[in-house]
Amino acid sequence: MLAEGQPAPTFTLPGDSGEDVSLESFRGRPVVLYFYPKDDTPGCTAQACGFRDVWDTFERAGAVVLGVSPDSPKKHVKFREKYHLPFSLLSDQEHTVAEAYGTWVEKRMYGKTYMGMERSTFVIDADGNVAKIMRKVKPAEHAADVLAALA
């Protein structure tokens, strides 16, 4: 299990821009890497819009925000445009990055067990180490919690 202080697992994923996005390309800046279950659902929308609404504060902190879900890049484009999200959404359709970060987990709903994305965020410092791990976050207040972790 990934722990604070360890090097963040590196990755390259398809982004909503049509280009691949590599964690390594942001070395020297803090990165907020947040994992969420699905585009355009109530909780995921609240979480993404929370980041959007305080975007200027993330920019002043020099932080990069990257959202990761199993949705396709095409779905990410629609979600990003619909809510005017100023950050990149990455597609982890094979769950490889989610598995590396321990966010692809067994879940239960209505008596059924299935694998799915745990809503989690990792603050990665400028040196590429995990500075803060936030698991099972509450979407509505999450942006403020992340900003506090960046301070």
C-alpha atoms as a PDB file:
ATOM      1  CA  MET A   1       0.000   0.000   0.000  1.00  0.00           C
ATOM      2  CA  LEU A   2       1.318   3.417  -0.980  1.00  0.00           C
ATOM      3  CA  ALA A   3       2.286   5.621   1.982  1.00  0.00           C
ATOM      4  CA  GLU A   4       3.082   9.285   2.501  1.00  0.00           C
ATOM      5  CA  GLY A   5       6.753  10.054   1.927  1.00  0.00           C
ATOM      6  CA  GLN A   6       7.176   7.382  -0.757  1.00  0.00           C
ATOM      7  CA  PRO A   7       7.888   8.203  -4.402  1.00  0.00           C
ATOM      8  CA  ALA A   8       4.651   8.584  -6.346  1.00  0.00           C
ATOM      9  CA  PRO A   9       4.176   5.855  -8.963  1.00  0.00           C
ATOM     10  CA  THR A  10       4.929   7.382 -12.348  1.00  0.00           C
ATOM     11  CA  PHE A  11       2.539   7.006 -15.262  1.00  0.00           C
ATOM     12  CA  THR A  12       1.502   8.223 -18.665  1.00  0.00           C
ATOM     13  CA  LEU A  13      -2.230   8.284 -19.491  1.00  0.00           C
ATOM     14  CA  PRO A  14      -4.354   9.609 -22.352  1.00  0.00           C
ATOM     15  CA  GLY A  15      -5.707  13.039 -21.534  1.00  0.00           C
ATOM     16  CA  ASP A  16      -8.808  14.899 -22.609  1.00  0.00           C
ATOM     17  CA  SER A  17      -6.638  17.064 -24.881  1.00  0.00           C
ATOM     18  CA  GLY A  18      -5.908  14.106 -27.133  1.00  0.00           C
ATOM     19  CA  GLU A  19      -2.317  14.015 -25.855  1.00  0.00           C
ATOM     20  CA  ASP A  20      -0.722  11.638 -23.385  1.00  0.00           C
ATOM     21  CA  VAL A  21      -0.001  13.156 -19.981  1.00  0.00           C
ATOM     22  CA  SER A  22       2.965  12.021 -17.895  1.00  0.00           C
ATOM     23  CA  LEU A  23       3.351  12.645 -14.173  1.00  0.00           C
ATOM     24  CA  GLU A  24       7.092  13.152 -14.762  1.00  0.00           C
ATOM     25  CA  SER A  25       6.387  16.210 -16.925  1.00  0.00           C
ATOM     26  CA  PHE A  26       5.227  18.118 -13.822  1.00  0.00           C
ATOM     27  CA  ARG A  27       8.357  17.525 -11.751  1.00  0.00           C
ATOM     28  CA  GLY A  28       9.227  20.735  -9.911  1.00  0.00           C
ATOM     29  CA  ARG A  29       5.564  21.550  -9.193  1.00  0.00           C
ATOM     30  CA  PRO A  30       3.105  20.099  -6.688  1.00  0.00           C
ATOM     31  CA  VAL A  31       0.501  17.827  -8.268  1.00  0.00           C
ATOM     32  CA  VAL A  32      -3.001  17.130  -6.999  1.00  0.00           C
ATOM     33  CA  LEU A  33      -3.875  13.717  -8.421  1.00  0.00           C
ATOM     34  CA  TYR A  34      -7.489  12.886  -7.720  1.00  0.00           C
ATOM     35  CA  PHE A  35      -9.252   9.651  -8.577  1.00  0.00           C
ATOM     36  CA  TYR A  36     -13.007   9.660  -9.083  1.00  0.00           C
ATOM     37  CA  PRO A  37     -15.525   7.027 -10.243  1.00  0.00           C
ATOM     38  CA  LYS A  38     -17.354   8.519 -13.233  1.00  0.00           C
ATOM     39  CA  ASP A  39     -17.843  11.702 -15.243  1.00  0.00           C
ATOM     40  CA  ASP A  40     -21.045  13.700 -14.883  1.00  0.00           C
ATOM     41  CA  THR A  41     -22.436  11.986 -11.768  1.00  0.00           C
ATOM     42  CA  PRO A  42     -23.557  14.073  -8.776  1.00  0.00           C
ATOM     43  CA  GLY A  43     -20.595  13.429  -6.470  1.00  0.00           C
ATOM     44  CA  CYS A  44     -17.975  13.566  -9.196  1.00  0.00           C
ATOM     45  CA  THR A  45     -19.427  16.769 -10.604  1.00  0.00           C
ATOM     46  CA  ALA A  46     -19.480  18.396  -7.144  1.00  0.00           C
ATOM     47  CA  GLN A  47     -15.855  17.395  -6.609  1.00  0.00           C
ATOM     48  CA  ALA A  48     -14.657  18.663 -10.011  1.00  0.00           C
ATOM     49  CA  CYS A  49     -16.617  21.918  -9.719  1.00  0.00           C
ATOM     50  CA  GLY A  50     -15.185  22.417  -6.231  1.00  0.00           C
ATOM     51  CA  PHE A  51     -11.689  22.425  -7.729  1.00  0.00           C
ATOM     52  CA  ARG A  52     -12.874  24.689 -10.551  1.00  0.00           C
ATOM     53  CA  ASP A  53     -14.419  27.197  -8.160  1.00  0.00           C
ATOM     54  CA  VAL A  54     -11.129  27.797  -6.319  1.00  0.00           C
ATOM     55  CA  TRP A  55      -8.913  27.334  -9.367  1.00  0.00           C
ATOM     56  CA  ASP A  56      -7.162  30.690  -8.898  1.00  0.00           C
ATOM     57  CA  THR A  57      -5.906  29.521  -5.489  1.00  0.00           C
ATOM     58  CA  PHE A  58      -4.453  26.330  -7.002  1.00  0.00           C
ATOM     59  CA  GLU A  59      -2.758  28.436  -9.681  1.00  0.00           C
ATOM     60  CA  ARG A  60      -1.250  30.788  -7.087  1.00  0.00           C
ATOM     61  CA  ALA A  61       0.126  27.717  -5.287  1.00  0.00           C
ATOM     62  CA  GLY A  62       1.698  26.595  -8.568  1.00  0.00           C
ATOM     63  CA  ALA A  63      -0.187  23.301  -8.320  1.00  0.00           C
ATOM     64  CA  VAL A  64      -1.244  21.055 -11.169  1.00  0.00           C
ATOM     65  CA  VAL A  65      -4.626  19.325 -10.789  1.00  0.00           C
ATOM     66  CA  LEU A  66      -5.220  16.049 -12.629  1.00  0.00           C
ATOM     67  CA  GLY A  67      -8.460  14.075 -12.416  1.00  0.00           C
ATOM     68  CA  VAL A  68      -8.350  10.344 -13.169  1.00  0.00           C
ATOM     69  CA  SER A  69     -11.272   8.009 -13.880  1.00  0.00           C
ATOM     70  CA  PRO A  70     -11.939   4.937 -16.015  1.00  0.00           C
ATOM     71  CA  ASP A  71     -13.972   7.030 -18.477  1.00  0.00           C
ATOM     72  CA  SER A  72     -12.767   7.488 -22.054  1.00  0.00           C
ATOM     73  CA  PRO A  73     -10.985  10.655 -23.209  1.00  0.00           C
ATOM     74  CA  LYS A  74     -14.083  11.458 -25.313  1.00  0.00           C
ATOM     75  CA  LYS A  75     -16.327  11.384 -22.215  1.00  0.00           C
ATOM     76  CA  HIS A  76     -13.769  13.518 -20.371  1.00  0.00           C
ATOM     77  CA  VAL A  77     -13.935  16.165 -23.095  1.00  0.00           C
ATOM     78  CA  LYS A  78     -17.728  16.415 -22.750  1.00  0.00           C
ATOM     79  CA  PHE A  79     -17.526  16.571 -18.942  1.00  0.00           C
ATOM     80  CA  ARG A  80     -14.764  19.159 -18.975  1.00  0.00           C
ATOM     81  CA  GLU A  81     -16.552  21.372 -21.504  1.00  0.00           C
ATOM     82  CA  LYS A  82     -19.966  21.072 -19.824  1.00  0.00           C
ATOM     83  CA  TYR A  83     -18.626  22.312 -16.484  1.00  0.00           C
ATOM     84  CA  HIS A  84     -15.799  24.545 -17.779  1.00  0.00           C
ATOM     85  CA  LEU A  85     -13.131  22.618 -15.887  1.00  0.00           C
ATOM     86  CA  PRO A  86      -9.727  24.332 -16.133  1.00  0.00           C
ATOM     87  CA  PHE A  87      -7.645  21.195 -15.465  1.00  0.00           C
ATOM     88  CA  SER A  88      -6.902  17.944 -17.278  1.00  0.00           C
ATOM     89  CA  LEU A  89      -8.883  14.734 -16.964  1.00  0.00           C
ATOM     90  CA  LEU A  90      -7.016  11.493 -17.619  1.00  0.00           C
ATOM     91  CA  SER A  91      -8.382   8.175 -18.811  1.00  0.00           C
ATOM     92  CA  ASP A  92      -7.362   5.050 -16.869  1.00  0.00           C
ATOM     93  CA  GLN A  93      -9.591   2.550 -18.656  1.00  0.00           C
ATOM     94  CA  GLU A  94      -7.356  -0.414 -17.764  1.00  0.00           C
ATOM     95  CA  HIS A  95      -7.150   0.719 -14.087  1.00  0.00           C
ATOM     96  CA  THR A  96      -3.366   0.358 -14.070  1.00  0.00           C
ATOM     97  CA  VAL A  97      -2.695   3.720 -12.422  1.00  0.00           C
ATOM     98  CA  ALA A  98      -5.618   3.270 -10.007  1.00  0.00           C
ATOM     99  CA  GLU A  99      -4.163  -0.095  -9.011  1.00  0.00           C
ATOM    100  CA  ALA A 100      -0.693   1.420  -8.501  1.00  0.00           C
ATOM    101  CA  TYR A 101      -2.199   4.030  -6.175  1.00  0.00           C
ATOM    102  CA  GLY A 102      -4.505   1.533  -4.437  1.00  0.00           C
ATOM    103  CA  THR A 103      -7.726   3.214  -5.551  1.00  0.00           C
ATOM    104  CA  TRP A 104      -9.168   0.346  -7.636  1.00  0.00           C
ATOM    105  CA  VAL A 105     -10.943  -1.471  -4.825  1.00  0.00           C
ATOM    106  CA  GLU A 106     -13.725  -3.884  -4.029  1.00  0.00           C
ATOM    107  CA  LYS A 107     -16.964  -2.019  -3.371  1.00  0.00           C
ATOM    108  CA  ARG A 108     -20.424  -3.027  -2.228  1.00  0.00           C
ATOM    109  CA  MET A 109     -23.801  -1.598  -3.170  1.00  0.00           C
ATOM    110  CA  TYR A 110     -27.251  -3.090  -2.739  1.00  0.00           C
ATOM    111  CA  GLY A 111     -25.754  -6.386  -1.618  1.00  0.00           C
ATOM    112  CA  LYS A 112     -23.555  -6.741  -4.687  1.00  0.00           C
ATOM    113  CA  THR A 113     -19.761  -6.713  -4.724  1.00  0.00           C
ATOM    114  CA  TYR A 114     -17.841  -5.184  -7.623  1.00  0.00           C
ATOM    115  CA  MET A 115     -14.530  -3.492  -8.419  1.00  0.00           C
ATOM    116  CA  GLY A 116     -14.565   0.283  -8.723  1.00  0.00           C
ATOM    117  CA  MET A 117     -12.739   3.529  -8.133  1.00  0.00           C
ATOM    118  CA  GLU A 118     -12.351   4.758  -4.568  1.00  0.00           C
ATOM    119  CA  ARG A 119     -12.643   8.536  -4.453  1.00  0.00           C
ATOM    120  CA  SER A 120      -9.133   9.428  -3.297  1.00  0.00           C
ATOM    121  CA  THR A 121      -6.600  12.211  -3.712  1.00  0.00           C
ATOM    122  CA  PHE A 122      -2.822  12.238  -3.593  1.00  0.00           C
ATOM    123  CA  VAL A 123      -0.862  15.447  -3.147  1.00  0.00           C
ATOM    124  CA  ILE A 124       2.525  14.897  -4.763  1.00  0.00           C
ATOM    125  CA  ASP A 125       5.325  17.297  -3.888  1.00  0.00           C
ATOM    126  CA  ALA A 126       7.642  18.994  -6.357  1.00  0.00           C
ATOM    127  CA  ASP A 127      10.202  16.189  -5.920  1.00  0.00           C
ATOM    128  CA  GLY A 128       7.687  13.515  -6.939  1.00  0.00           C
ATOM    129  CA  ASN A 129       6.975  12.123  -3.471  1.00  0.00           C
ATOM    130  CA  VAL A 130       3.546  11.512  -1.968  1.00  0.00           C
ATOM    131  CA  ALA A 131       3.060  14.346   0.528  1.00  0.00           C
ATOM    132  CA  LYS A 132      -0.565  13.624   1.495  1.00  0.00           C
ATOM    133  CA  ILE A 133      -3.042  10.801   0.934  1.00  0.00           C
ATOM    134  CA  MET A 134      -6.761  11.501   1.276  1.00  0.00           C
ATOM    135  CA  ARG A 135      -9.046   8.476   0.965  1.00  0.00           C
ATOM    136  CA  LYS A 136     -12.853   8.239   0.766  1.00  0.00           C
ATOM    137  CA  VAL A 137     -13.139  12.002   0.480  1.00  0.00           C
ATOM    138  CA  LYS A 138     -16.343  14.010   0.690  1.00  0.00           C
ATOM    139  CA  PRO A 139     -16.818  15.783  -2.674  1.00  0.00           C
ATOM    140  CA  ALA A 140     -18.440  18.984  -1.380  1.00  0.00           C
ATOM    141  CA  GLU A 141     -15.614  20.011   0.969  1.00  0.00           C
ATOM    142  CA  HIS A 142     -12.744  18.325  -0.784  1.00  0.00           C
ATOM    143  CA  ALA A 143     -11.176  21.305  -2.595  1.00  0.00           C
ATOM    144  CA  ALA A 144     -10.719  23.176   0.693  1.00  0.00           C
ATOM    145  CA  ASP A 145      -9.106  20.107   2.288  1.00  0.00           C
ATOM    146  CA  VAL A 146      -6.694  19.769  -0.638  1.00  0.00           C
ATOM    147  CA  LEU A 147      -5.750  23.456  -0.492  1.00  0.00           C
ATOM    148  CA  ALA A 148      -4.997  23.057   3.222  1.00  0.00           C
ATOM    149  CA  ALA A 149      -2.745  20.085   2.404  1.00  0.00           C
ATOM    150  CA  LEU A 150      -0.861  22.201  -0.162  1.00  0.00           C
ATOM    151  CA  ALA A 151      -0.164  24.984   2.361  1.00  0.00           C
END
